Amino acid sequence: MKILAISGSLRAGSSNTALLHAMAALAPAGIEVSLFGGLADLPHFNPDLDPESIPAVVDFRARLAAADGVLISSPEYAHGVAGVMKNALDWVVATGEFVDKPVALINASPRAHHAQEALTETLVVMTARMVPEASIAVPLLGRKLPDGGMLADAEVADALRGVIEAFVRAIP
């Protein structure tokens, strides 16, 4: 089973990206979780451009199509979805890669509910199959993680393990 993980943050030290890396490490045997690192390569969405002539768009669409499910972890900016995340979704809104695709939303802050709600709305419109039992906010804000990070924090690791296991169960 192949799961594509997408972080809506371009920050080198992003806690949302770190969450996805931790989830990949906690995935059960036989489950491949790969992080898509190409959001910064996607040009600003413009319907006048030929997406087939843009390698980054072709690659993004192919990775989505090949995935059995998609994990998204994205920060919230000014009560909204990070611009790079929304831009990426705009490139695939009309092409069908999310149709009936299981999607879980993970976030590094319980205060990011506006972004979660906006992402959910966009993905539902794109006919993704949202997996609420695998969509959580991990309270990392102000939390001092032990050496070894999220994987060494039993509470966080258990929560992430539960999410990935619930997500895998939801994928046919």
C-alpha atoms as a PDB file:
ATOM      1  CA  MET A   1       0.000   0.000   0.000  1.00  0.00           C
ATOM      2  CA  LYS A   2       1.302   3.434  -0.965  1.00  0.00           C
ATOM      3  CA  ILE A   3       0.452   6.571   0.964  1.00  0.00           C
ATOM      4  CA  LEU A   4       1.506   9.998  -0.231  1.00  0.00           C
ATOM      5  CA  ALA A   5       2.232  12.499   2.549  1.00  0.00           C
ATOM      6  CA  ILE A   6       2.032  16.211   1.741  1.00  0.00           C
ATOM      7  CA  SER A   7       3.188  18.988   4.039  1.00  0.00           C
ATOM      8  CA  GLY A   8       1.698  22.400   3.380  1.00  0.00           C
ATOM      9  CA  SER A   9       4.766  24.052   4.870  1.00  0.00           C
ATOM     10  CA  LEU A  10       7.988  24.940   3.093  1.00  0.00           C
ATOM     11  CA  ARG A  11       9.838  25.743   6.348  1.00  0.00           C
ATOM     12  CA  ALA A  12      12.960  23.645   6.879  1.00  0.00           C
ATOM     13  CA  GLY A  13      12.034  23.084  10.538  1.00  0.00           C
ATOM     14  CA  SER A  14       8.308  22.585   9.953  1.00  0.00           C
ATOM     15  CA  SER A  15       6.496  20.676  12.676  1.00  0.00           C
ATOM     16  CA  ASN A  16       3.890  19.608  10.098  1.00  0.00           C
ATOM     17  CA  THR A  17       6.600  18.028   7.956  1.00  0.00           C
ATOM     18  CA  ALA A  18       8.118  16.431  11.070  1.00  0.00           C
ATOM     19  CA  LEU A  19       4.716  14.901  11.887  1.00  0.00           C
ATOM     20  CA  LEU A  20       4.601  13.266   8.464  1.00  0.00           C
ATOM     21  CA  HIS A  21       8.154  11.927   8.812  1.00  0.00           C
ATOM     22  CA  ALA A  22       7.226  10.454  12.195  1.00  0.00           C
ATOM     23  CA  MET A  23       4.124   8.854  10.720  1.00  0.00           C
ATOM     24  CA  ALA A  24       6.209   7.310   7.941  1.00  0.00           C
ATOM     25  CA  ALA A  25       8.517   5.821  10.569  1.00  0.00           C
ATOM     26  CA  LEU A  26       5.525   4.426  12.494  1.00  0.00           C
ATOM     27  CA  ALA A  27       3.763   2.922   9.483  1.00  0.00           C
ATOM     28  CA  PRO A  28       3.024  -0.794   9.756  1.00  0.00           C
ATOM     29  CA  ALA A  29       5.064  -3.260   7.708  1.00  0.00           C
ATOM     30  CA  GLY A  30       4.100  -3.252   4.049  1.00  0.00           C
ATOM     31  CA  ILE A  31       2.881   0.354   4.135  1.00  0.00           C
ATOM     32  CA  GLU A  32       5.012   2.823   2.207  1.00  0.00           C
ATOM     33  CA  VAL A  33       4.582   6.448   3.259  1.00  0.00           C
ATOM     34  CA  SER A  34       6.486   8.801   0.975  1.00  0.00           C
ATOM     35  CA  LEU A  35       6.739  12.535   1.512  1.00  0.00           C
ATOM     36  CA  PHE A  36       6.060  14.721  -1.515  1.00  0.00           C
ATOM     37  CA  GLY A  37       8.714  17.415  -1.507  1.00  0.00           C
ATOM     38  CA  GLY A  38       7.741  19.284  -4.643  1.00  0.00           C
ATOM     39  CA  LEU A  39       5.233  21.916  -3.485  1.00  0.00           C
ATOM     40  CA  ALA A  40       7.804  24.678  -3.916  1.00  0.00           C
ATOM     41  CA  ASP A  41       8.350  23.571  -7.528  1.00  0.00           C
ATOM     42  CA  LEU A  42       4.723  24.006  -8.554  1.00  0.00           C
ATOM     43  CA  PRO A  43       4.190  27.308 -10.366  1.00  0.00           C
ATOM     44  CA  HIS A  44       1.332  29.597  -9.440  1.00  0.00           C
ATOM     45  CA  PHE A  45      -1.835  28.023 -10.762  1.00  0.00           C
ATOM     46  CA  ASN A  46      -2.878  29.474 -14.096  1.00  0.00           C
ATOM     47  CA  PRO A  47      -5.497  27.662 -16.178  1.00  0.00           C
ATOM     48  CA  ASP A  48      -3.972  29.160 -19.328  1.00  0.00           C
ATOM     49  CA  LEU A  49      -0.793  27.140 -18.820  1.00  0.00           C
ATOM     50  CA  ASP A  50      -0.485  23.650 -20.305  1.00  0.00           C
ATOM     51  CA  PRO A  51       0.042  21.449 -17.243  1.00  0.00           C
ATOM     52  CA  GLU A  52       1.479  18.658 -19.390  1.00  0.00           C
ATOM     53  CA  SER A  53       4.406  20.951 -20.228  1.00  0.00           C
ATOM     54  CA  ILE A  54       5.213  21.569 -16.545  1.00  0.00           C
ATOM     55  CA  PRO A  55       7.238  18.650 -15.105  1.00  0.00           C
ATOM     56  CA  ALA A  56       6.397  19.531 -11.484  1.00  0.00           C
ATOM     57  CA  VAL A  57       2.653  19.381 -12.194  1.00  0.00           C
ATOM     58  CA  VAL A  58       2.972  16.128 -14.150  1.00  0.00           C
ATOM     59  CA  ASP A  59       4.968  14.594 -11.278  1.00  0.00           C
ATOM     60  CA  PHE A  60       2.492  15.781  -8.625  1.00  0.00           C
ATOM     61  CA  ARG A  61      -0.481  14.405 -10.525  1.00  0.00           C
ATOM     62  CA  ALA A  62       1.274  11.075 -11.143  1.00  0.00           C
ATOM     63  CA  ARG A  63       2.198  10.661  -7.473  1.00  0.00           C
ATOM     64  CA  LEU A  64      -1.360  11.410  -6.408  1.00  0.00           C
ATOM     65  CA  ALA A  65      -2.782   8.977  -8.949  1.00  0.00           C
ATOM     66  CA  ALA A  66      -0.416   6.207  -7.806  1.00  0.00           C
ATOM     67  CA  ALA A  67      -1.210   6.684  -4.105  1.00  0.00           C
ATOM     68  CA  ASP A  68      -3.761   4.533  -2.311  1.00  0.00           C
ATOM     69  CA  GLY A  69      -4.305   7.354   0.178  1.00  0.00           C
ATOM     70  CA  VAL A  70      -3.066  10.852   1.015  1.00  0.00           C
ATOM     71  CA  LEU A  71      -1.990  12.320   4.365  1.00  0.00           C
ATOM     72  CA  ILE A  72      -1.922  16.110   4.517  1.00  0.00           C
ATOM     73  CA  SER A  73      -0.389  18.160   7.320  1.00  0.00           C
ATOM     74  CA  SER A  74      -0.593  21.881   6.765  1.00  0.00           C
ATOM     75  CA  PRO A  75      -0.207  24.956   8.937  1.00  0.00           C
ATOM     76  CA  GLU A  76      -2.756  27.699   9.232  1.00  0.00           C
ATOM     77  CA  TYR A  77      -1.951  31.262   8.193  1.00  0.00           C
ATOM     78  CA  ALA A  78      -4.363  34.118   9.006  1.00  0.00           C
ATOM     79  CA  HIS A  79      -7.202  31.617   9.571  1.00  0.00           C
ATOM     80  CA  GLY A  80      -6.606  29.981   6.191  1.00  0.00           C
ATOM     81  CA  VAL A  81      -4.824  27.262   4.304  1.00  0.00           C
ATOM     82  CA  ALA A  82      -1.173  27.832   3.496  1.00  0.00           C
ATOM     83  CA  GLY A  83      -0.917  29.314  -0.005  1.00  0.00           C
ATOM     84  CA  VAL A  84       1.376  26.580  -1.345  1.00  0.00           C
ATOM     85  CA  MET A  85      -1.086  23.894  -0.245  1.00  0.00           C
ATOM     86  CA  LYS A  86      -4.047  25.624  -1.874  1.00  0.00           C
ATOM     87  CA  ASN A  87      -1.988  26.204  -5.014  1.00  0.00           C
ATOM     88  CA  ALA A  88      -1.164  22.493  -5.222  1.00  0.00           C
ATOM     89  CA  LEU A  89      -4.819  21.553  -4.891  1.00  0.00           C
ATOM     90  CA  ASP A  90      -5.747  24.064  -7.591  1.00  0.00           C
ATOM     91  CA  TRP A  91      -3.479  22.171 -10.018  1.00  0.00           C
ATOM     92  CA  VAL A  92      -5.529  18.990  -9.522  1.00  0.00           C
ATOM     93  CA  VAL A  93      -9.019  20.297  -8.799  1.00  0.00           C
ATOM     94  CA  ALA A  94     -10.346  19.340 -12.245  1.00  0.00           C
ATOM     95  CA  THR A  95      -8.256  16.284 -13.091  1.00  0.00           C
ATOM     96  CA  GLY A  96      -9.696  13.647 -10.774  1.00  0.00           C
ATOM     97  CA  GLU A  97      -6.708  12.490  -8.724  1.00  0.00           C
ATOM     98  CA  PHE A  98      -8.672  12.995  -5.498  1.00  0.00           C
ATOM     99  CA  VAL A  99     -11.909  11.331  -6.619  1.00  0.00           C
ATOM    100  CA  ASP A 100     -12.741   8.742  -3.908  1.00  0.00           C
ATOM    101  CA  LYS A 101      -9.131   8.961  -2.658  1.00  0.00           C
ATOM    102  CA  PRO A 102      -8.907   8.402   1.107  1.00  0.00           C
ATOM    103  CA  VAL A 103      -7.489  11.536   2.757  1.00  0.00           C
ATOM    104  CA  ALA A 104      -6.556  12.244   6.368  1.00  0.00           C
ATOM    105  CA  LEU A 105      -5.676  15.668   7.741  1.00  0.00           C
ATOM    106  CA  ILE A 106      -3.098  15.921  10.504  1.00  0.00           C
ATOM    107  CA  ASN A 107      -2.061  19.184  12.097  1.00  0.00           C
ATOM    108  CA  ALA A 108       0.584  20.295  14.591  1.00  0.00           C
ATOM    109  CA  SER A 109      -1.732  22.712  16.394  1.00  0.00           C
ATOM    110  CA  PRO A 110      -5.286  22.393  17.718  1.00  0.00           C
ATOM    111  CA  ARG A 111      -5.604  26.120  17.015  1.00  0.00           C
ATOM    112  CA  ALA A 112      -5.375  25.478  13.258  1.00  0.00           C
ATOM    113  CA  HIS A 113      -9.022  24.476  12.951  1.00  0.00           C
ATOM    114  CA  HIS A 114      -9.796  27.141  10.325  1.00  0.00           C
ATOM    115  CA  ALA A 115      -7.238  25.634   7.935  1.00  0.00           C
ATOM    116  CA  GLN A 116      -8.487  22.106   8.673  1.00  0.00           C
ATOM    117  CA  GLU A 117     -12.057  23.162   7.935  1.00  0.00           C
ATOM    118  CA  ALA A 118     -11.041  24.953   4.727  1.00  0.00           C
ATOM    119  CA  LEU A 119      -8.950  21.989   3.543  1.00  0.00           C
ATOM    120  CA  THR A 120     -11.811  19.635   4.308  1.00  0.00           C
ATOM    121  CA  GLU A 121     -14.242  21.790   2.331  1.00  0.00           C
ATOM    122  CA  THR A 122     -11.904  21.982  -0.673  1.00  0.00           C
ATOM    123  CA  LEU A 123     -11.179  18.248  -0.640  1.00  0.00           C
ATOM    124  CA  VAL A 124     -14.859  17.341  -0.269  1.00  0.00           C
ATOM    125  CA  VAL A 125     -15.649  19.512  -3.294  1.00  0.00           C
ATOM    126  CA  MET A 126     -12.904  17.584  -5.116  1.00  0.00           C
ATOM    127  CA  THR A 127     -14.749  14.381  -4.016  1.00  0.00           C
ATOM    128  CA  ALA A 128     -11.946  13.055  -1.838  1.00  0.00           C
ATOM    129  CA  ARG A 129     -13.044  10.484   0.738  1.00  0.00           C
ATOM    130  CA  MET A 130     -12.212  12.114   4.055  1.00  0.00           C
ATOM    131  CA  VAL A 131     -11.192   9.765   6.885  1.00  0.00           C
ATOM    132  CA  PRO A 132     -12.203  11.616  10.082  1.00  0.00           C
ATOM    133  CA  GLU A 133     -11.010   8.847  12.410  1.00  0.00           C
ATOM    134  CA  ALA A 134      -7.487   9.402  11.055  1.00  0.00           C
ATOM    135  CA  SER A 135      -7.619  13.209  11.101  1.00  0.00           C
ATOM    136  CA  ILE A 136      -6.243  14.818  14.259  1.00  0.00           C
ATOM    137  CA  ALA A 137      -4.482  17.834  15.669  1.00  0.00           C
ATOM    138  CA  VAL A 138      -1.376  16.957  17.661  1.00  0.00           C
ATOM    139  CA  PRO A 139      -0.779  19.518  20.420  1.00  0.00           C
ATOM    140  CA  LEU A 140       2.889  20.297  19.793  1.00  0.00           C
ATOM    141  CA  LEU A 141       2.751  24.029  20.536  1.00  0.00           C
ATOM    142  CA  GLY A 142       4.859  24.707  23.617  1.00  0.00           C
ATOM    143  CA  ARG A 143       5.605  21.023  24.103  1.00  0.00           C
ATOM    144  CA  LYS A 144       9.210  20.143  24.915  1.00  0.00           C
ATOM    145  CA  LEU A 145       9.941  16.955  23.027  1.00  0.00           C
ATOM    146  CA  PRO A 146      12.589  14.569  24.364  1.00  0.00           C
ATOM    147  CA  ASP A 147      15.769  13.760  22.447  1.00  0.00           C
ATOM    148  CA  GLY A 148      14.567  11.692  19.537  1.00  0.00           C
ATOM    149  CA  GLY A 149      11.641  14.035  18.915  1.00  0.00           C
ATOM    150  CA  MET A 150       8.106  12.855  18.290  1.00  0.00           C
ATOM    151  CA  LEU A 151       9.061   9.207  18.097  1.00  0.00           C
ATOM    152  CA  ALA A 152      10.578   9.373  21.598  1.00  0.00           C
ATOM    153  CA  ASP A 153       7.504  11.046  23.110  1.00  0.00           C
ATOM    154  CA  ALA A 154       5.217   8.120  23.985  1.00  0.00           C
ATOM    155  CA  GLU A 155       2.003  10.198  23.918  1.00  0.00           C
ATOM    156  CA  VAL A 156       2.717  11.735  20.509  1.00  0.00           C
ATOM    157  CA  ALA A 157       4.058   8.497  19.006  1.00  0.00           C
ATOM    158  CA  ASP A 158       1.005   6.555  20.228  1.00  0.00           C
ATOM    159  CA  ALA A 159      -1.354   9.155  18.758  1.00  0.00           C
ATOM    160  CA  LEU A 160       0.440   9.099  15.388  1.00  0.00           C
ATOM    161  CA  ARG A 161       0.602   5.292  15.364  1.00  0.00           C
ATOM    162  CA  GLY A 162      -3.157   5.222  15.996  1.00  0.00           C
ATOM    163  CA  VAL A 163      -3.745   7.651  13.137  1.00  0.00           C
ATOM    164  CA  ILE A 164      -1.704   5.702  10.589  1.00  0.00           C
ATOM    165  CA  GLU A 165      -3.329   2.421  11.658  1.00  0.00           C
ATOM    166  CA  ALA A 166      -6.837   3.933  11.407  1.00  0.00           C
ATOM    167  CA  PHE A 167      -5.976   5.389   8.016  1.00  0.00           C
ATOM    168  CA  VAL A 168      -4.668   2.071   6.677  1.00  0.00           C
ATOM    169  CA  ARG A 169      -7.850   0.313   7.882  1.00  0.00           C
ATOM    170  CA  ALA A 170      -9.941   2.874   5.959  1.00  0.00           C
ATOM    171  CA  ILE A 171      -8.173   2.218   2.661  1.00  0.00           C
ATOM    172  CA  PRO A 172      -9.798  -0.591   0.637  1.00  0.00           C
END
